[in-house]
Amino acid sequence: MKNIFFRQIITLSMLVEEGVKIARLKGNRNINEKVIKAKMTSMKQNGMLIPGVIVDAEKAIEAGMEIVDFETGEDIDATKGEQYAVLVDANHRYQAHLNLLKKNEDLREEEQYKGEFYLIYALNDNLAISEMLTTINVCTDPWKGGDFTKGAKMVCKKPLPLLDFIDKLIDEGYPLPTASKWATFKSDITKKVMADAMVGKISEKLQLTKGLERGEKLLEAARKSLSKDVLKSRNLIDWIIFKYDEASDEQKTTIVNQMVDFFSNLDREKAKQIEAAKGQRGGDTKETIINRLLNNFYEQFTQSQRTSTDE
């Protein structure tokens, strides 16, 4: 199929006529509904300005990538590969196109979306798909750190518990720097580390598991009392890291266990104060207020623990 259309801008209708359907890479960056709505408005007003980029599904499957039917989510294996082209770039635009077509069912003829979806096969046929993804999204519409995490998770077949943990947090809306700190107590797992992993350059930092259990325990405990918005911000994890770094090497395990108990027993009234903290114009920042609250509540908790022990 590719020999027919190579280096041509083609329409989705042309692919359909040849019996080719659209697939997407399983694990590619998450679809953002807000972005889709903006694309729908733009495409209805202006049509498509730049074609989406596709590759043969067989090439993606041969590279060890998992692909799914864009509309049904059905897994596509090698036996069905020739029936599909994989959308490497323009996933949001394609979903917007599908949504607009569906909305046509409820609109009068003169109000309906008449746009066509344009595509082009990747011009550099020799470039690995993982490198293609990285290059397209660095040079044109840069990915956020979390998008590179999804790409790394999709490409890496080697067991990487640290990557798995960070990927789960990215799915929950955590920024990569915050996810990195929960996983490692450092911000070393960067967008570049993830981009390198997408092309097979797996950093030693991504292979480490030391400290991962610590982060998992603390996050699980904090989830019992605090909202996701607080957990996703850097303020809470930065406070935890500061307390941990203050402790001597001999006391670090004790401090972690103590903080796990602290968060597990933090009552809802105190949690609400932390969640409601806001910076004051001309006064304390939000971070300062949260740190003050955490310090006060933690001191109260440790004092009660000492009193209980003394009794």
C-alpha atoms as a PDB file:
ATOM      1  CA  MET A   1       0.000   0.000   0.000  1.00  0.00           C
ATOM      2  CA  LYS A   2       2.768   2.365   0.885  1.00  0.00           C
ATOM      3  CA  ASN A   3       4.331   2.145  -2.575  1.00  0.00           C
ATOM      4  CA  ILE A   4       1.155   3.641  -4.037  1.00  0.00           C
ATOM      5  CA  PHE A   5       0.966   6.631  -1.724  1.00  0.00           C
ATOM      6  CA  PHE A   6       4.585   7.239  -0.661  1.00  0.00           C
ATOM      7  CA  ARG A   7       5.447  10.958  -0.663  1.00  0.00           C
ATOM      8  CA  GLN A   8       1.904  11.951  -1.520  1.00  0.00           C
ATOM      9  CA  ILE A   9      -0.545  13.870   0.629  1.00  0.00           C
ATOM     10  CA  ILE A  10      -3.545  11.577   0.682  1.00  0.00           C
ATOM     11  CA  THR A  11      -6.996  11.619   2.213  1.00  0.00           C
ATOM     12  CA  LEU A  12      -8.518   9.247   4.684  1.00  0.00           C
ATOM     13  CA  SER A  13     -11.081   8.399   2.011  1.00  0.00           C
ATOM     14  CA  MET A  14      -8.294   7.188  -0.282  1.00  0.00           C
ATOM     15  CA  LEU A  15      -7.016   4.826   2.412  1.00  0.00           C
ATOM     16  CA  VAL A  16     -10.507   3.539   3.111  1.00  0.00           C
ATOM     17  CA  GLU A  17     -11.006   2.816  -0.581  1.00  0.00           C
ATOM     18  CA  GLU A  18      -7.912   0.618  -0.424  1.00  0.00           C
ATOM     19  CA  GLY A  19      -9.268  -1.221   2.612  1.00  0.00           C
ATOM     20  CA  VAL A  20      -6.872   0.423   5.081  1.00  0.00           C
ATOM     21  CA  LYS A  21      -7.983   1.471   8.563  1.00  0.00           C
ATOM     22  CA  ILE A  22      -6.311   3.716  11.128  1.00  0.00           C
ATOM     23  CA  ALA A  23      -4.553   2.396  14.224  1.00  0.00           C
ATOM     24  CA  ARG A  24      -2.681   4.091  17.023  1.00  0.00           C
ATOM     25  CA  LEU A  25       0.301   3.093  19.118  1.00  0.00           C
ATOM     26  CA  LYS A  26      -0.828   1.477  22.348  1.00  0.00           C
ATOM     27  CA  GLY A  27       0.653   3.456  25.213  1.00  0.00           C
ATOM     28  CA  ASN A  28       1.219   6.620  23.190  1.00  0.00           C
ATOM     29  CA  ARG A  29       0.683   9.840  25.086  1.00  0.00           C
ATOM     30  CA  ASN A  30      -2.760  10.192  26.611  1.00  0.00           C
ATOM     31  CA  ILE A  31      -5.538  11.863  24.653  1.00  0.00           C
ATOM     32  CA  ASN A  32      -6.361  15.238  26.235  1.00  0.00           C
ATOM     33  CA  GLU A  33     -10.056  16.109  25.986  1.00  0.00           C
ATOM     34  CA  LYS A  34      -9.362  19.829  26.326  1.00  0.00           C
ATOM     35  CA  VAL A  35      -6.980  19.695  23.367  1.00  0.00           C
ATOM     36  CA  ILE A  36      -9.524  17.722  21.333  1.00  0.00           C
ATOM     37  CA  LYS A  37     -12.197  20.374  21.884  1.00  0.00           C
ATOM     38  CA  ALA A  38      -9.813  23.087  20.719  1.00  0.00           C
ATOM     39  CA  LYS A  39      -8.912  21.017  17.642  1.00  0.00           C
ATOM     40  CA  MET A  40     -12.590  20.480  16.856  1.00  0.00           C
ATOM     41  CA  THR A  41     -13.230  24.217  16.853  1.00  0.00           C
ATOM     42  CA  SER A  42     -10.178  24.910  14.700  1.00  0.00           C
ATOM     43  CA  MET A  43     -10.834  22.111  12.202  1.00  0.00           C
ATOM     44  CA  LYS A  44     -14.484  23.041  11.734  1.00  0.00           C
ATOM     45  CA  GLN A  45     -13.511  26.655  11.036  1.00  0.00           C
ATOM     46  CA  ASN A  46     -10.293  26.166   9.081  1.00  0.00           C
ATOM     47  CA  GLY A  47     -10.084  22.545   8.010  1.00  0.00           C
ATOM     48  CA  MET A  48      -6.800  20.668   8.361  1.00  0.00           C
ATOM     49  CA  LEU A  49      -3.660  22.732   7.833  1.00  0.00           C
ATOM     50  CA  ILE A  50      -0.974  20.048   8.199  1.00  0.00           C
ATOM     51  CA  PRO A  51      -1.348  16.342   7.325  1.00  0.00           C
ATOM     52  CA  GLY A  52      -1.053  13.630   9.934  1.00  0.00           C
ATOM     53  CA  VAL A  53       1.928  11.262   9.691  1.00  0.00           C
ATOM     54  CA  ILE A  54       1.405   7.516   9.281  1.00  0.00           C
ATOM     55  CA  VAL A  55       3.515   4.382   8.949  1.00  0.00           C
ATOM     56  CA  ASP A  56       2.635   0.854   7.918  1.00  0.00           C
ATOM     57  CA  ALA A  57       1.248  -1.107  10.850  1.00  0.00           C
ATOM     58  CA  GLU A  58       3.447  -4.054   9.879  1.00  0.00           C
ATOM     59  CA  LYS A  59       6.536  -1.924  10.465  1.00  0.00           C
ATOM     60  CA  ALA A  60       5.336  -0.975  13.946  1.00  0.00           C
ATOM     61  CA  ILE A  61       4.530  -4.593  14.815  1.00  0.00           C
ATOM     62  CA  GLU A  62       7.924  -5.773  13.538  1.00  0.00           C
ATOM     63  CA  ALA A  63       9.538  -3.175  15.818  1.00  0.00           C
ATOM     64  CA  GLY A  64       7.837  -4.833  18.796  1.00  0.00           C
ATOM     65  CA  MET A  65       5.250  -2.114  19.299  1.00  0.00           C
ATOM     66  CA  GLU A  66       1.672  -2.814  20.277  1.00  0.00           C
ATOM     67  CA  ILE A  67      -1.025  -1.154  18.198  1.00  0.00           C
ATOM     68  CA  VAL A  68      -4.788  -0.869  18.522  1.00  0.00           C
ATOM     69  CA  ASP A  69      -7.638   0.066  16.209  1.00  0.00           C
ATOM     70  CA  PHE A  70      -8.065   3.812  16.729  1.00  0.00           C
ATOM     71  CA  GLU A  71     -11.840   3.661  17.080  1.00  0.00           C
ATOM     72  CA  THR A  72     -12.525   0.305  18.739  1.00  0.00           C
ATOM     73  CA  GLY A  73      -9.361  -0.142  20.801  1.00  0.00           C
ATOM     74  CA  GLU A  74      -9.026  -3.715  19.486  1.00  0.00           C
ATOM     75  CA  ASP A  75      -5.479  -5.111  19.619  1.00  0.00           C
ATOM     76  CA  ILE A  76      -3.990  -5.525  16.144  1.00  0.00           C
ATOM     77  CA  ASP A  77      -1.540  -8.385  15.604  1.00  0.00           C
ATOM     78  CA  ALA A  78       0.623  -9.363  12.646  1.00  0.00           C
ATOM     79  CA  THR A  79      -2.236 -11.231  10.966  1.00  0.00           C
ATOM     80  CA  LYS A  80      -4.172  -7.977  10.586  1.00  0.00           C
ATOM     81  CA  GLY A  81      -1.226  -5.620  10.157  1.00  0.00           C
ATOM     82  CA  GLU A  82      -1.636  -5.148   6.429  1.00  0.00           C
ATOM     83  CA  GLN A  83      -5.133  -3.781   6.997  1.00  0.00           C
ATOM     84  CA  TYR A  84      -3.871  -0.804   9.026  1.00  0.00           C
ATOM     85  CA  ALA A  85      -1.788   2.345   8.911  1.00  0.00           C
ATOM     86  CA  VAL A  86      -0.562   3.669  12.271  1.00  0.00           C
ATOM     87  CA  LEU A  87      -1.024   7.334  13.079  1.00  0.00           C
ATOM     88  CA  VAL A  88       2.304   8.521  14.495  1.00  0.00           C
ATOM     89  CA  ASP A  89       1.437  12.209  14.580  1.00  0.00           C
ATOM     90  CA  ALA A  90      -1.992  13.949  14.781  1.00  0.00           C
ATOM     91  CA  ASN A  91      -3.794  11.665  17.236  1.00  0.00           C
ATOM     92  CA  HIS A  92      -5.657  14.614  18.739  1.00  0.00           C
ATOM     93  CA  ARG A  93      -6.639  15.939  15.314  1.00  0.00           C
ATOM     94  CA  TYR A  94      -7.879  12.541  14.212  1.00  0.00           C
ATOM     95  CA  GLN A  95     -10.010  12.123  17.329  1.00  0.00           C
ATOM     96  CA  ALA A  96     -11.364  15.633  16.762  1.00  0.00           C
ATOM     97  CA  HIS A  97     -12.209  14.662  13.169  1.00  0.00           C
ATOM     98  CA  LEU A  98     -14.075  11.564  14.361  1.00  0.00           C
ATOM     99  CA  ASN A  99     -15.960  13.584  16.985  1.00  0.00           C
ATOM    100  CA  LEU A 100     -16.999  16.180  14.418  1.00  0.00           C
ATOM    101  CA  LEU A 101     -18.314  13.494  12.082  1.00  0.00           C
ATOM    102  CA  LYS A 102     -20.327  11.973  14.930  1.00  0.00           C
ATOM    103  CA  LYS A 103     -21.798  15.383  15.801  1.00  0.00           C
ATOM    104  CA  ASN A 104     -23.026  15.705  12.217  1.00  0.00           C
ATOM    105  CA  GLU A 105     -25.776  13.232  13.080  1.00  0.00           C
ATOM    106  CA  ASP A 106     -27.497  15.922  15.165  1.00  0.00           C
ATOM    107  CA  LEU A 107     -26.911  18.882  12.846  1.00  0.00           C
ATOM    108  CA  ARG A 108     -28.684  20.307   9.852  1.00  0.00           C
ATOM    109  CA  GLU A 109     -26.966  19.877   6.491  1.00  0.00           C
ATOM    110  CA  GLU A 110     -25.726  23.468   6.377  1.00  0.00           C
ATOM    111  CA  GLU A 111     -24.218  23.171   9.874  1.00  0.00           C
ATOM    112  CA  GLN A 112     -22.372  19.918   9.341  1.00  0.00           C
ATOM    113  CA  TYR A 113     -18.616  19.459   9.301  1.00  0.00           C
ATOM    114  CA  LYS A 114     -17.435  18.783   5.727  1.00  0.00           C
ATOM    115  CA  GLY A 115     -13.715  18.495   6.366  1.00  0.00           C
ATOM    116  CA  GLU A 116     -11.451  15.801   4.996  1.00  0.00           C
ATOM    117  CA  PHE A 117      -8.602  14.255   6.971  1.00  0.00           C
ATOM    118  CA  TYR A 118      -5.223  14.460   5.227  1.00  0.00           C
ATOM    119  CA  LEU A 119      -2.293  12.111   5.746  1.00  0.00           C
ATOM    120  CA  ILE A 120       1.229  11.473   4.555  1.00  0.00           C
ATOM    121  CA  TYR A 121       3.474   8.457   5.020  1.00  0.00           C
ATOM    122  CA  ALA A 122       6.628   9.312   6.987  1.00  0.00           C
ATOM    123  CA  LEU A 123       9.151  10.645   4.487  1.00  0.00           C
ATOM    124  CA  ASN A 124      12.190   9.044   6.137  1.00  0.00           C
ATOM    125  CA  ASP A 125      11.330   5.392   5.675  1.00  0.00           C
ATOM    126  CA  ASN A 126      14.511   4.216   7.417  1.00  0.00           C
ATOM    127  CA  LEU A 127      13.965   6.019  10.723  1.00  0.00           C
ATOM    128  CA  ALA A 128      12.863   3.849  13.642  1.00  0.00           C
ATOM    129  CA  ILE A 129       9.352   4.722  14.812  1.00  0.00           C
ATOM    130  CA  SER A 130      10.563   5.490  18.341  1.00  0.00           C
ATOM    131  CA  GLU A 131      13.075   7.992  16.941  1.00  0.00           C
ATOM    132  CA  MET A 132      10.384   9.383  14.650  1.00  0.00           C
ATOM    133  CA  LEU A 133       8.118  10.033  17.635  1.00  0.00           C
ATOM    134  CA  THR A 134      10.886  11.777  19.553  1.00  0.00           C
ATOM    135  CA  THR A 135      12.000  13.905  16.597  1.00  0.00           C
ATOM    136  CA  ILE A 136       8.508  14.969  15.539  1.00  0.00           C
ATOM    137  CA  ASN A 137       7.547  16.001  19.031  1.00  0.00           C
ATOM    138  CA  VAL A 138      10.782  17.798  19.901  1.00  0.00           C
ATOM    139  CA  CYS A 139      11.078  19.715  16.656  1.00  0.00           C
ATOM    140  CA  THR A 140       7.461  20.662  16.016  1.00  0.00           C
ATOM    141  CA  ASP A 141       5.003  20.373  18.913  1.00  0.00           C
ATOM    142  CA  PRO A 142       7.140  19.594  21.972  1.00  0.00           C
ATOM    143  CA  TRP A 143       5.939  16.905  24.326  1.00  0.00           C
ATOM    144  CA  LYS A 144       5.697  17.457  28.049  1.00  0.00           C
ATOM    145  CA  GLY A 145       7.809  15.250  30.291  1.00  0.00           C
ATOM    146  CA  GLY A 146       4.888  12.945  30.915  1.00  0.00           C
ATOM    147  CA  ASP A 147       4.423  12.378  27.180  1.00  0.00           C
ATOM    148  CA  PHE A 148       8.011  11.147  26.907  1.00  0.00           C
ATOM    149  CA  THR A 149       7.348   8.873  29.872  1.00  0.00           C
ATOM    150  CA  LYS A 150       4.457   7.285  27.985  1.00  0.00           C
ATOM    151  CA  GLY A 151       6.728   6.895  24.965  1.00  0.00           C
ATOM    152  CA  ALA A 152       9.485   5.278  27.040  1.00  0.00           C
ATOM    153  CA  LYS A 153       7.019   2.901  28.665  1.00  0.00           C
ATOM    154  CA  MET A 154       5.640   1.953  25.241  1.00  0.00           C
ATOM    155  CA  VAL A 155       9.059   1.207  23.746  1.00  0.00           C
ATOM    156  CA  CYS A 156      10.990  -0.334  26.669  1.00  0.00           C
ATOM    157  CA  LYS A 157      10.455  -4.079  26.976  1.00  0.00           C
ATOM    158  CA  LYS A 158      13.019  -4.525  29.760  1.00  0.00           C
ATOM    159  CA  PRO A 159      11.463  -4.716  33.252  1.00  0.00           C
ATOM    160  CA  LEU A 160      11.917  -1.284  34.847  1.00  0.00           C
ATOM    161  CA  PRO A 161       9.949  -0.977  38.131  1.00  0.00           C
ATOM    162  CA  LEU A 162      10.950   2.683  38.477  1.00  0.00           C
ATOM    163  CA  LEU A 163       9.534   3.488  35.043  1.00  0.00           C
ATOM    164  CA  ASP A 164       6.356   1.533  35.842  1.00  0.00           C
ATOM    165  CA  PHE A 165       5.822   3.537  39.039  1.00  0.00           C
ATOM    166  CA  ILE A 166       6.419   6.895  37.363  1.00  0.00           C
ATOM    167  CA  ASP A 167       4.202   5.934  34.432  1.00  0.00           C
ATOM    168  CA  LYS A 168       1.315   5.174  36.810  1.00  0.00           C
ATOM    169  CA  LEU A 169       1.722   8.594  38.407  1.00  0.00           C
ATOM    170  CA  ILE A 170       1.811  10.271  34.985  1.00  0.00           C
ATOM    171  CA  ASP A 171      -1.498   8.532  34.196  1.00  0.00           C
ATOM    172  CA  GLU A 172      -2.912  10.131  37.352  1.00  0.00           C
ATOM    173  CA  GLY A 173      -1.798  13.598  36.223  1.00  0.00           C
ATOM    174  CA  TYR A 174       1.453  13.989  38.153  1.00  0.00           C
ATOM    175  CA  PRO A 175       4.095  16.177  36.444  1.00  0.00           C
ATOM    176  CA  LEU A 176       7.273  14.242  35.659  1.00  0.00           C
ATOM    177  CA  PRO A 177       9.472  16.225  38.137  1.00  0.00           C
ATOM    178  CA  THR A 178       7.040  15.453  40.979  1.00  0.00           C
ATOM    179  CA  ALA A 179       6.720  11.797  39.966  1.00  0.00           C
ATOM    180  CA  SER A 180      10.517  11.546  39.855  1.00  0.00           C
ATOM    181  CA  LYS A 181      10.781  12.908  43.397  1.00  0.00           C
ATOM    182  CA  TRP A 182       8.208  10.471  44.775  1.00  0.00           C
ATOM    183  CA  ALA A 183      10.113   7.625  43.121  1.00  0.00           C
ATOM    184  CA  THR A 184      13.690   8.645  43.914  1.00  0.00           C
ATOM    185  CA  PHE A 185      13.632  11.707  46.225  1.00  0.00           C
ATOM    186  CA  LYS A 186      15.432  13.468  43.356  1.00  0.00           C
ATOM    187  CA  SER A 187      14.415  15.168  40.110  1.00  0.00           C
ATOM    188  CA  ASP A 188      16.971  13.211  38.067  1.00  0.00           C
ATOM    189  CA  ILE A 189      14.402  11.332  35.950  1.00  0.00           C
ATOM    190  CA  THR A 190      13.980  14.058  33.365  1.00  0.00           C
ATOM    191  CA  LYS A 191      12.385  14.414  29.955  1.00  0.00           C
ATOM    192  CA  LYS A 192      15.805  13.729  28.390  1.00  0.00           C
ATOM    193  CA  VAL A 193      16.168  10.470  30.343  1.00  0.00           C
ATOM    194  CA  MET A 194      12.783   9.367  29.010  1.00  0.00           C
ATOM    195  CA  ALA A 195      13.506  10.541  25.459  1.00  0.00           C
ATOM    196  CA  ASP A 196      16.774   8.567  25.484  1.00  0.00           C
ATOM    197  CA  ALA A 197      14.913   5.488  26.726  1.00  0.00           C
ATOM    198  CA  MET A 198      12.585   5.761  23.748  1.00  0.00           C
ATOM    199  CA  VAL A 199      15.531   5.114  21.427  1.00  0.00           C
ATOM    200  CA  GLY A 200      17.089   2.364  23.510  1.00  0.00           C
ATOM    201  CA  LYS A 201      19.475   4.456  25.644  1.00  0.00           C
ATOM    202  CA  ILE A 202      18.318   3.425  29.104  1.00  0.00           C
ATOM    203  CA  SER A 203      20.004   5.532  31.766  1.00  0.00           C
ATOM    204  CA  GLU A 204      21.353   3.887  34.901  1.00  0.00           C
ATOM    205  CA  LYS A 205      19.102   6.289  36.800  1.00  0.00           C
ATOM    206  CA  LEU A 206      16.058   4.616  35.285  1.00  0.00           C
ATOM    207  CA  GLN A 207      17.279   1.157  36.277  1.00  0.00           C
ATOM    208  CA  LEU A 208      17.716   1.922  39.975  1.00  0.00           C
ATOM    209  CA  THR A 209      15.187   0.562  42.441  1.00  0.00           C
ATOM    210  CA  LYS A 210      16.813   1.769  45.668  1.00  0.00           C
ATOM    211  CA  GLY A 211      14.380   4.038  47.440  1.00  0.00           C
ATOM    212  CA  LEU A 212      11.405   3.087  45.294  1.00  0.00           C
ATOM    213  CA  GLU A 213       9.696   1.143  48.083  1.00  0.00           C
ATOM    214  CA  ARG A 214      10.202   4.176  50.346  1.00  0.00           C
ATOM    215  CA  GLY A 215       8.370   6.443  47.915  1.00  0.00           C
ATOM    216  CA  GLU A 216       5.582   3.910  47.372  1.00  0.00           C
ATOM    217  CA  LYS A 217       4.988   3.569  51.138  1.00  0.00           C
ATOM    218  CA  LEU A 218       4.930   7.315  51.724  1.00  0.00           C
ATOM    219  CA  LEU A 219       2.627   8.026  48.812  1.00  0.00           C
ATOM    220  CA  GLU A 220       0.226   5.258  49.835  1.00  0.00           C
ATOM    221  CA  ALA A 221       0.074   6.735  53.333  1.00  0.00           C
ATOM    222  CA  ALA A 222      -0.375  10.316  52.117  1.00  0.00           C
ATOM    223  CA  ARG A 223      -3.229   9.220  49.845  1.00  0.00           C
ATOM    224  CA  LYS A 224      -5.223   8.188  52.919  1.00  0.00           C
ATOM    225  CA  SER A 225      -5.574  11.755  54.090  1.00  0.00           C
ATOM    226  CA  LEU A 226      -4.658  14.253  51.359  1.00  0.00           C
ATOM    227  CA  SER A 227      -6.194  15.109  48.009  1.00  0.00           C
ATOM    228  CA  LYS A 228      -4.573  14.284  44.693  1.00  0.00           C
ATOM    229  CA  ASP A 229      -3.972  17.989  44.008  1.00  0.00           C
ATOM    230  CA  VAL A 230      -1.747  18.199  47.077  1.00  0.00           C
ATOM    231  CA  LEU A 231       0.051  14.959  46.206  1.00  0.00           C
ATOM    232  CA  LYS A 232       0.713  16.131  42.634  1.00  0.00           C
ATOM    233  CA  SER A 233       2.236  19.430  43.713  1.00  0.00           C
ATOM    234  CA  ARG A 234       5.889  19.580  44.583  1.00  0.00           C
ATOM    235  CA  ASN A 235       5.236  21.186  47.997  1.00  0.00           C
ATOM    236  CA  LEU A 236       4.408  17.986  49.855  1.00  0.00           C
ATOM    237  CA  ILE A 237       7.146  15.785  48.444  1.00  0.00           C
ATOM    238  CA  ASP A 238       9.700  18.580  48.850  1.00  0.00           C
ATOM    239  CA  TRP A 239       8.771  18.819  52.527  1.00  0.00           C
ATOM    240  CA  ILE A 240       9.134  15.042  52.897  1.00  0.00           C
ATOM    241  CA  ILE A 241      12.537  15.078  51.192  1.00  0.00           C
ATOM    242  CA  PHE A 242      13.719  17.939  53.419  1.00  0.00           C
ATOM    243  CA  LYS A 243      12.763  16.002  56.558  1.00  0.00           C
ATOM    244  CA  TYR A 244      14.464  12.889  55.214  1.00  0.00           C
ATOM    245  CA  ASP A 245      17.665  14.741  54.290  1.00  0.00           C
ATOM    246  CA  GLU A 246      17.796  16.375  57.732  1.00  0.00           C
ATOM    247  CA  ALA A 247      17.970  12.988  59.432  1.00  0.00           C
ATOM    248  CA  SER A 248      21.235  11.168  60.001  1.00  0.00           C
ATOM    249  CA  ASP A 249      21.858   8.008  57.991  1.00  0.00           C
ATOM    250  CA  GLU A 250      21.036   5.918  61.050  1.00  0.00           C
ATOM    251  CA  GLN A 251      17.705   7.693  61.514  1.00  0.00           C
ATOM    252  CA  LYS A 252      16.463   7.763  57.911  1.00  0.00           C
ATOM    253  CA  THR A 253      14.503   4.492  58.099  1.00  0.00           C
ATOM    254  CA  THR A 254      12.926   5.610  61.371  1.00  0.00           C
ATOM    255  CA  ILE A 255      11.964   8.967  59.855  1.00  0.00           C
ATOM    256  CA  VAL A 256      10.324   7.302  56.844  1.00  0.00           C
ATOM    257  CA  ASN A 257       8.290   4.991  59.091  1.00  0.00           C
ATOM    258  CA  GLN A 258       7.360   7.913  61.309  1.00  0.00           C
ATOM    259  CA  MET A 259       6.160   9.965  58.327  1.00  0.00           C
ATOM    260  CA  VAL A 260       4.148   6.988  57.059  1.00  0.00           C
ATOM    261  CA  ASP A 261       2.413   6.850  60.465  1.00  0.00           C
ATOM    262  CA  PHE A 262       1.967  10.636  60.441  1.00  0.00           C
ATOM    263  CA  PHE A 263       0.183  10.718  57.076  1.00  0.00           C
ATOM    264  CA  SER A 264      -1.830   7.582  57.855  1.00  0.00           C
ATOM    265  CA  ASN A 265      -3.193   9.244  61.007  1.00  0.00           C
ATOM    266  CA  LEU A 266      -3.582  12.823  59.756  1.00  0.00           C
ATOM    267  CA  ASP A 267      -7.176  13.795  60.532  1.00  0.00           C
ATOM    268  CA  ARG A 268      -9.457  15.314  57.920  1.00  0.00           C
ATOM    269  CA  GLU A 269      -9.634  18.741  59.572  1.00  0.00           C
ATOM    270  CA  LYS A 270      -5.878  19.186  59.379  1.00  0.00           C
ATOM    271  CA  ALA A 271      -5.786  17.798  55.852  1.00  0.00           C
ATOM    272  CA  LYS A 272      -8.359  20.396  54.796  1.00  0.00           C
ATOM    273  CA  GLN A 273      -6.148  23.189  56.105  1.00  0.00           C
ATOM    274  CA  ILE A 274      -3.270  21.942  53.960  1.00  0.00           C
ATOM    275  CA  GLU A 275      -5.488  21.561  50.903  1.00  0.00           C
ATOM    276  CA  ALA A 276      -6.977  25.046  51.316  1.00  0.00           C
ATOM    277  CA  ALA A 277      -3.624  26.822  51.713  1.00  0.00           C
ATOM    278  CA  LYS A 278      -3.171  29.803  49.394  1.00  0.00           C
ATOM    279  CA  GLY A 279      -0.411  32.349  48.986  1.00  0.00           C
ATOM    280  CA  GLN A 280      -1.046  35.824  50.343  1.00  0.00           C
ATOM    281  CA  ARG A 281      -0.335  38.915  48.298  1.00  0.00           C
ATOM    282  CA  GLY A 282       2.525  40.698  49.988  1.00  0.00           C
ATOM    283  CA  GLY A 283       2.762  37.875  52.516  1.00  0.00           C
ATOM    284  CA  ASP A 284       3.675  34.223  52.739  1.00  0.00           C
ATOM    285  CA  THR A 285       3.738  31.996  49.678  1.00  0.00           C
ATOM    286  CA  LYS A 286       1.574  28.892  49.400  1.00  0.00           C
ATOM    287  CA  GLU A 287       4.685  26.745  49.887  1.00  0.00           C
ATOM    288  CA  THR A 288       5.607  28.581  53.093  1.00  0.00           C
ATOM    289  CA  ILE A 289       2.096  28.177  54.497  1.00  0.00           C
ATOM    290  CA  ILE A 290       1.970  24.450  53.653  1.00  0.00           C
ATOM    291  CA  ASN A 291       5.409  23.884  55.163  1.00  0.00           C
ATOM    292  CA  ARG A 292       4.347  25.691  58.342  1.00  0.00           C
ATOM    293  CA  LEU A 293       1.202  23.589  58.642  1.00  0.00           C
ATOM    294  CA  LEU A 294       3.074  20.341  57.987  1.00  0.00           C
ATOM    295  CA  ASN A 295       5.781  21.244  60.505  1.00  0.00           C
ATOM    296  CA  ASN A 296       3.184  22.089  63.172  1.00  0.00           C
ATOM    297  CA  PHE A 297       1.099  18.979  62.574  1.00  0.00           C
ATOM    298  CA  TYR A 298       4.173  16.747  62.402  1.00  0.00           C
ATOM    299  CA  GLU A 299       5.532  18.183  65.636  1.00  0.00           C
ATOM    300  CA  GLN A 300       2.175  17.571  67.329  1.00  0.00           C
ATOM    301  CA  PHE A 301       2.196  14.001  66.052  1.00  0.00           C
ATOM    302  CA  THR A 302       5.756  13.219  67.158  1.00  0.00           C
ATOM    303  CA  GLN A 303       5.063  14.828  70.540  1.00  0.00           C
ATOM    304  CA  SER A 304       2.003  12.647  71.026  1.00  0.00           C
ATOM    305  CA  GLN A 305       4.070   9.602  70.061  1.00  0.00           C
ATOM    306  CA  ARG A 306       6.733  10.488  72.654  1.00  0.00           C
ATOM    307  CA  THR A 307       4.086  11.050  75.305  1.00  0.00           C
ATOM    308  CA  SER A 308       2.478   7.723  74.501  1.00  0.00           C
ATOM    309  CA  THR A 309       5.849   5.970  74.723  1.00  0.00           C
ATOM    310  CA  ASP A 310       6.672   7.628  78.047  1.00  0.00           C
ATOM    311  CA  GLU A 311       3.408   6.441  79.508  1.00  0.00           C
END
